[in-house]
Protein backbone atom coordinates (compact mmCIF):
# COMPACT_ATOMS: atom_id res chain seq x y z
CA MET A 1 0.48 0.27 -0.05
CA ARG A 2 1.02 3.42 -0.63
CA ALA A 3 -0.91 6.34 0.98
CA PRO A 4 -1.37 10.13 0.09
CA ARG A 5 -1.45 11.41 2.75
CA ILE A 6 1.74 9.69 4.37
CA PRO A 7 3.82 9.00 1.57
CA THR A 8 6.45 7.37 3.63
CA VAL A 9 4.64 3.99 4.54
CA ASN A 10 4.26 1.39 2.14
CA TRP A 11 3.24 -2.07 3.84
CA PRO A 12 2.67 -5.44 2.37
CA VAL A 13 -0.84 -6.31 2.51
CA VAL A 14 -1.15 -10.51 2.84
CA VAL A 15 -4.34 -12.97 2.75
CA CYS A 16 -4.23 -15.84 5.06
CA ASN A 17 -4.23 -19.42 3.30
CA SER A 18 -6.72 -21.46 6.04
CA CYS A 19 -9.16 -18.60 6.76
CA GLY A 20 -8.99 -15.43 3.60
CA LEU A 21 -8.66 -12.95 6.89
CA VAL A 22 -6.97 -10.24 4.92
CA SER A 23 -4.10 -8.09 7.00
CA VAL A 24 -0.96 -6.03 7.77
CA SER A 25 1.64 -8.84 7.58
CA PRO A 26 4.24 -7.50 9.23
CA HIS A 27 2.31 -5.18 11.66
CA PRO A 28 4.40 -2.18 12.87
CA VAL A 29 5.11 -2.10 16.32
CA ALA A 30 2.89 -0.60 19.16
CA ALA A 31 4.54 3.11 18.70
CA GLU A 32 5.16 3.01 15.33
CA TYR A 33 1.74 2.15 14.73
CA ALA A 34 0.30 5.13 17.43
CA ALA A 35 2.48 7.87 15.43
CA ILE A 36 0.71 6.86 12.02
CA ASN A 37 -2.62 7.27 13.40
CA ASP A 38 -1.86 10.57 14.69
CA GLN A 39 -0.47 11.65 12.13
CA TRP A 40 -3.34 10.40 9.71
CA PHE A 41 -6.29 11.24 12.24
CA SER A 42 -4.80 14.94 12.53
CA GLY A 43 -5.53 15.99 8.93
CA VAL A 44 -8.98 14.59 9.00
CA TYR A 45 -10.60 15.48 12.33
CA GLY A 46 -7.46 18.17 13.02
CA GLU A 47 -7.66 21.93 13.05
CA ASP A 48 -7.99 22.91 9.57
CA SER A 49 -11.11 19.85 9.24
CA ASP A 50 -14.56 20.70 7.92
CA ASP A 51 -16.72 20.58 11.01
CA GLU A 52 -19.71 21.01 9.01
CA LYS A 53 -19.07 17.98 6.88
CA ILE A 54 -17.89 15.91 9.59
CA GLU A 55 -21.19 17.09 11.51
CA ARG A 56 -23.30 16.13 8.51
CA ARG A 57 -22.05 12.41 7.93
CA SER A 58 -22.13 12.24 11.55
CA SER A 59 -25.85 12.35 11.36
CA ARG A 60 -26.36 10.13 8.83
CA ARG A 61 -24.28 7.34 10.58
CA ALA A 62 -26.88 7.91 13.68
CA ASP A 63 -29.69 7.81 11.36
CA ILE A 64 -28.06 4.30 9.22
CA MET A 65 -27.17 3.11 12.25
CA TRP A 66 -31.11 3.56 14.63
CA SER A 67 -32.81 1.96 10.97
CA ARG A 68 -30.94 -0.91 11.24
CA ILE A 69 -30.95 -2.01 14.75
CA GLY A 70 -34.05 0.19 16.53
CA ASP A 71 -36.92 -1.40 15.47
CA SER A 72 -34.99 -4.82 16.95
CA TYR A 73 -33.72 -3.26 19.94
CA PRO A 74 -34.71 -5.36 22.83
CA ASN A 75 -34.26 -3.24 25.73
CA VAL A 76 -34.37 0.57 26.88
CA ILE A 77 -30.98 1.84 26.79
CA LYS A 78 -30.01 2.96 29.80
CA SER A 79 -25.98 3.15 29.21
CA VAL A 80 -24.13 3.13 26.40
CA LEU A 81 -20.40 3.24 25.77
CA ASP A 82 -18.91 4.44 22.33
CA ILE A 83 -15.33 3.40 21.53
CA GLY A 84 -13.21 5.46 19.69
CA ALA A 85 -16.42 8.05 19.98
CA GLY A 86 -14.73 10.89 17.44
CA ARG A 87 -17.52 13.46 17.45
CA GLY A 88 -19.82 11.93 19.33
CA TRP A 89 -22.25 10.51 16.04
CA GLY A 90 -24.39 8.70 18.15
CA PHE A 91 -24.92 10.42 21.34
CA GLU A 92 -27.20 13.32 20.14
CA MET A 93 -29.81 10.46 18.74
CA LEU A 94 -29.67 8.63 21.76
CA GLN A 95 -30.08 11.29 24.25
CA LYS A 96 -33.58 12.53 22.02
CA ARG A 97 -34.57 8.65 22.18
CA PHE A 98 -33.30 7.71 25.73
CA PRO A 99 -33.34 10.98 28.07
CA GLY A 100 -31.68 10.11 31.03
CA ILE A 101 -29.05 7.64 29.18
CA SER A 102 -25.43 6.92 30.79
CA MET A 103 -22.57 7.87 28.15
CA THR A 104 -19.39 6.74 28.00
CA ALA A 105 -16.96 7.60 25.39
CA ILE A 106 -13.29 6.47 24.82
CA GLU A 107 -11.54 8.78 22.29
CA HIS A 108 -8.21 9.28 21.73
CA SER A 109 -8.30 12.72 20.15
CA PRO A 110 -7.68 15.56 23.00
CA ARG A 111 -10.05 17.73 20.65
CA ASP A 112 -12.88 14.93 20.43
CA ARG A 113 -13.31 14.56 24.36
CA GLU A 114 -13.68 18.09 24.77
CA HIS A 115 -16.41 17.93 22.03
CA LEU A 116 -17.63 15.46 23.61
CA GLU A 117 -17.82 16.56 26.88
CA SER A 118 -19.04 20.01 26.18
CA SER A 119 -21.49 19.39 23.54
CA TYR A 120 -23.35 16.04 25.06
CA GLY A 121 -22.31 15.90 28.55
CA VAL A 122 -20.28 12.46 28.12
CA GLU A 123 -17.96 11.17 30.60
CA VAL A 124 -14.79 10.51 28.28
CA ILE A 125 -12.41 7.63 29.55
CA ALA A 126 -8.96 9.10 27.94
CA THR A 127 -7.72 5.93 26.54
CA ASN A 128 -6.04 4.11 24.11
CA VAL A 129 -8.15 1.05 23.33
CA SER A 130 -5.54 -1.14 22.77
CA GLU A 131 -4.70 -1.02 25.88
CA SER A 132 -5.62 -2.06 29.28
CA TRP A 133 -9.43 -0.74 29.83
CA PRO A 134 -10.11 1.19 33.42
CA ALA A 135 -11.96 -1.41 35.68
CA LYS A 136 -14.91 1.30 35.88
CA ILE A 137 -15.93 0.04 32.06
CA ASP A 138 -14.94 -3.48 32.34
CA ASN A 139 -17.65 -3.49 35.43
CA SER A 140 -19.62 -1.43 34.27
CA GLY A 141 -22.39 -3.65 32.27
CA PHE A 142 -23.44 -1.31 29.10
CA ASP A 143 -27.06 -1.96 27.74
CA LEU A 144 -25.55 -0.98 24.20
CA ILE A 145 -21.72 -0.70 23.26
CA ILE A 146 -20.78 1.26 19.43
CA PHE A 147 -17.80 0.03 17.86
CA ARG A 148 -17.97 1.55 14.42
CA HIS A 149 -14.37 1.32 12.43
CA THR A 150 -12.94 0.62 14.91
CA LEU A 151 -11.75 -2.74 14.57
CA GLU A 152 -9.95 -2.99 11.55
CA HIS A 153 -7.62 -0.59 13.22
CA MET A 154 -6.61 -2.82 15.97
CA LEU A 155 -3.43 -4.97 16.82
CA ASP A 156 -5.29 -7.10 18.39
CA PRO A 157 -8.78 -7.12 17.43
CA MET A 158 -9.60 -10.25 19.31
CA ASP A 159 -8.62 -8.21 22.41
CA ALA A 160 -10.83 -5.05 21.63
CA LEU A 161 -13.40 -7.62 20.90
CA LYS A 162 -13.26 -9.89 24.22
CA LYS A 163 -13.47 -6.75 26.41
CA ILE A 164 -16.69 -5.43 25.08
CA GLU A 165 -18.13 -9.10 25.66
CA LYS A 166 -17.07 -8.56 29.33
CA SER A 167 -18.24 -5.13 29.13
CA LEU A 168 -22.07 -5.77 28.04
CA SER A 169 -24.62 -5.88 30.49
CA ASN A 170 -26.65 -9.29 30.93
CA ASN A 171 -29.17 -7.74 28.18
CA GLY A 172 -26.48 -5.82 26.40
CA TYR A 173 -25.89 -5.48 22.60
CA ALA A 174 -22.92 -4.62 20.83
CA TYR A 175 -23.00 -2.41 17.31
CA ILE A 176 -20.19 -3.32 15.64
CA VAL A 177 -19.29 -2.42 11.82
CA VAL A 178 -16.08 -2.97 9.81
CA PRO A 179 -15.25 -1.97 6.00
CA ASN A 180 -16.42 -4.63 4.06
CA CYS A 181 -13.59 -6.45 1.70
CA MET A 182 -15.93 -8.11 -0.57
CA ARG A 183 -17.73 -5.40 -1.77
CA ILE A 184 -14.58 -3.14 -2.86
CA PRO A 185 -16.53 -0.16 -5.61
CA LYS A 186 -15.37 -0.80 -8.83
CA GLY A 187 -12.70 2.38 -9.53
CA THR A 188 -11.72 2.35 -6.42
CA ARG A 189 -7.85 3.14 -6.21
CA MET A 190 -6.33 0.10 -4.25
CA ARG A 191 -2.85 0.55 -3.24
CA THR A 192 -3.27 3.86 -3.20
CA ASP A 193 -7.03 4.35 -0.69
CA PHE A 194 -8.61 0.88 0.33
CA PHE A 195 -5.39 -0.18 1.80
CA ARG A 196 -4.37 2.76 4.37
CA PRO A 197 -1.82 2.86 6.76
CA VAL A 198 -4.15 2.85 9.66
CA HIS A 199 -6.34 -0.04 8.77
CA LEU A 200 -4.38 -3.33 9.76
CA TYR A 201 -7.50 -5.91 9.02
CA TYR A 202 -9.53 -6.35 6.11
CA PHE A 203 -12.88 -8.52 6.77
CA ASN A 204 -15.47 -9.61 4.55
CA SER A 205 -18.55 -11.28 6.20
CA THR A 206 -17.00 -14.86 7.00
CA THR A 207 -13.90 -13.96 8.98
CA PHE A 208 -15.99 -11.05 11.03
CA LEU A 209 -18.24 -13.56 12.06
CA GLN A 210 -15.27 -16.00 13.12
CA ILE A 211 -13.06 -13.32 15.06
CA CYS A 212 -16.42 -11.92 16.91
CA GLU A 213 -17.98 -16.01 17.68
CA LYS A 214 -14.21 -16.40 19.09
CA ALA A 215 -14.54 -13.61 21.00
CA GLY A 216 -17.83 -14.64 22.89
CA LEU A 217 -20.37 -12.48 20.33
CA VAL A 218 -23.18 -13.67 18.47
CA ALA A 219 -25.23 -11.57 15.77
CA GLU A 220 -28.64 -11.13 16.73
CA ILE A 221 -28.66 -9.08 13.39
CA PHE A 222 -26.46 -8.71 10.62
CA GLY A 223 -26.00 -7.33 7.50
CA ALA A 224 -23.21 -7.36 4.92
CA GLU A 225 -23.75 -4.13 2.42
CA GLY A 226 -21.01 -1.67 1.33
CA GLU A 227 -19.71 -2.35 5.02
CA ILE A 228 -20.38 -4.92 7.42
CA TRP A 229 -22.69 -4.55 10.17
CA GLY A 230 -24.17 -6.68 13.09
CA LEU A 231 -26.09 -6.38 16.28
CA PHE A 232 -24.03 -9.04 19.10
CA ARG A 233 -25.04 -10.46 22.34
CA ARG A 234 -22.99 -12.22 24.48
CA LYS A 235 -22.85 -16.13 23.45
CA ASP A 236 -24.06 -16.89 26.70
CA ASN A 237 -27.16 -15.31 26.79
CA THR A 238 -30.73 -16.55 25.87
CA HIS A 239 -31.13 -16.41 22.20
CA ASN A 240 -34.83 -14.59 20.98
CA GLY A 241 -35.14 -17.70 18.57
CA LYS A 242 -34.87 -15.86 15.28
CA GLN A 243 -32.49 -17.57 12.02
CA VAL A 244 -30.51 -14.81 11.61
CA ASP A 245 -28.89 -14.67 7.89
CA VAL A 246 -25.11 -14.32 7.57
CA GLY A 247 -25.35 -15.25 3.97
CA PRO A 248 -23.24 -17.46 1.91
CA THR A 249 -19.53 -18.54 3.63
CA ILE A 250 -16.84 -16.78 1.95
CA ASN A 251 -13.78 -18.90 1.12
CA VAL A 252 -10.17 -18.06 0.65
CA GLN A 253 -10.20 -18.02 -3.33
CA GLN A 254 -13.39 -16.10 -3.38
CA GLN A 255 -11.92 -13.09 -1.37
CA LEU A 256 -8.29 -13.71 -3.71
CA ASP A 257 -9.88 -13.37 -6.84
CA HIS A 258 -11.89 -10.40 -5.76
CA LEU A 259 -8.73 -8.54 -4.48
CA GLN A 260 -6.72 -9.26 -7.43
CA LYS A 261 -9.67 -8.22 -10.03
CA ARG A 262 -10.08 -4.81 -8.26
CA LEU A 263 -6.08 -4.54 -8.25
CA SER A 264 -6.12 -5.19 -12.16
CA GLU A 265 -8.79 -2.81 -12.47
CA SER A 266 -7.03 0.14 -10.09
CA ALA A 267 -3.58 -0.46 -11.65
CA ALA A 268 -3.07 2.81 -13.77
CA SER A 269 -5.19 4.74 -11.26
CA ASP A 270 -2.61 3.90 -8.17
CA ARG A 271 0.48 4.55 -10.67
CA LYS A 272 -0.63 8.12 -10.75
CA SER A 273 -1.09 7.92 -7.53
CA VAL A 274 1.90 6.88 -6.63
CA VAL A 275 3.81 9.70 -8.79
CA LYS A 276 2.17 12.01 -7.09
CA ILE A 277 3.15 10.47 -3.63
CA CYS A 278 6.49 10.43 -4.98
CA ALA A 279 6.20 14.70 -5.73
CA ARG A 280 4.56 14.86 -2.32
CA ARG A 281 7.59 13.53 -0.34
CA MET A 282 9.77 16.07 -2.28
CA MET A 283 7.72 19.42 -1.31
CA PRO A 284 8.21 21.14 1.87
CA GLU A 285 5.59 20.52 4.53
CA TRP A 286 4.06 24.42 4.67
CA VAL A 287 3.84 23.70 1.14
CA ILE A 288 1.42 20.58 1.75
CA LYS A 289 -0.37 22.40 4.11
CA THR A 290 -1.70 25.54 2.14
CA LEU A 291 -2.20 23.16 -0.75
CA ARG A 292 -4.51 20.93 2.07
CA ARG A 293 -6.00 24.20 2.88
CA ILE A 294 -6.86 25.04 -0.33
CA ARG A 295 -8.85 22.25 -1.37
């Protein structure tokens, strides 16, 4: 992969021969990866970011979440934990639907933590998801945990899912969303856009459900469109009796074929992007920042 925002990164992406899981290999060390995330997200959500655009996009995400889980969610939501909450795209909607709801977030960005506290009154736990969670979170028992487009960023996704399983209330559910590695739109630049230095894993519906089940989470509702999503309960909780349609199993060869097809289609556009990346590496940083503001 080659990333325009971080042109020095050029990591190999591999497909597991036994299960089809797509990942960066070898993984970067924790300190290196943390620095890359800081650099990436400072460009996306930093001081120069378009706050209005972010708010509009966040509102759409909240509406999409509730359209998926609202009719089927079996409980009144008394407490929610949003992991990697960003600007808090779900909190405003949940406050309106469940007055008095207890809201907690895990968020790394100081700017976003301040926004969550001042705008929504969220209790923010300033911690990295990959590190040990405070005992207060582990033992709270949340009715809803939101984990949207964060699992693919984890150095150890299994550890993160096990923490979620442990932190759910007896009747709690986790809303988990990841990009879909089998529904990559035609025309996507693969090496310079889809594969990103902040994503260490790429899931299809089969590999996603497998890792969730290994962590003790079972899908109550499931969908695999442009993104993969599900509402998950703890495996030891009583099932509601509904049969969940998770679609056909995706094998290793199907995953390989899809990636190779998209890589071949995007070869020319990726080459052009790589030329731009190389040119950018020779630019002074002040020129790059000026161009970003102009755009």
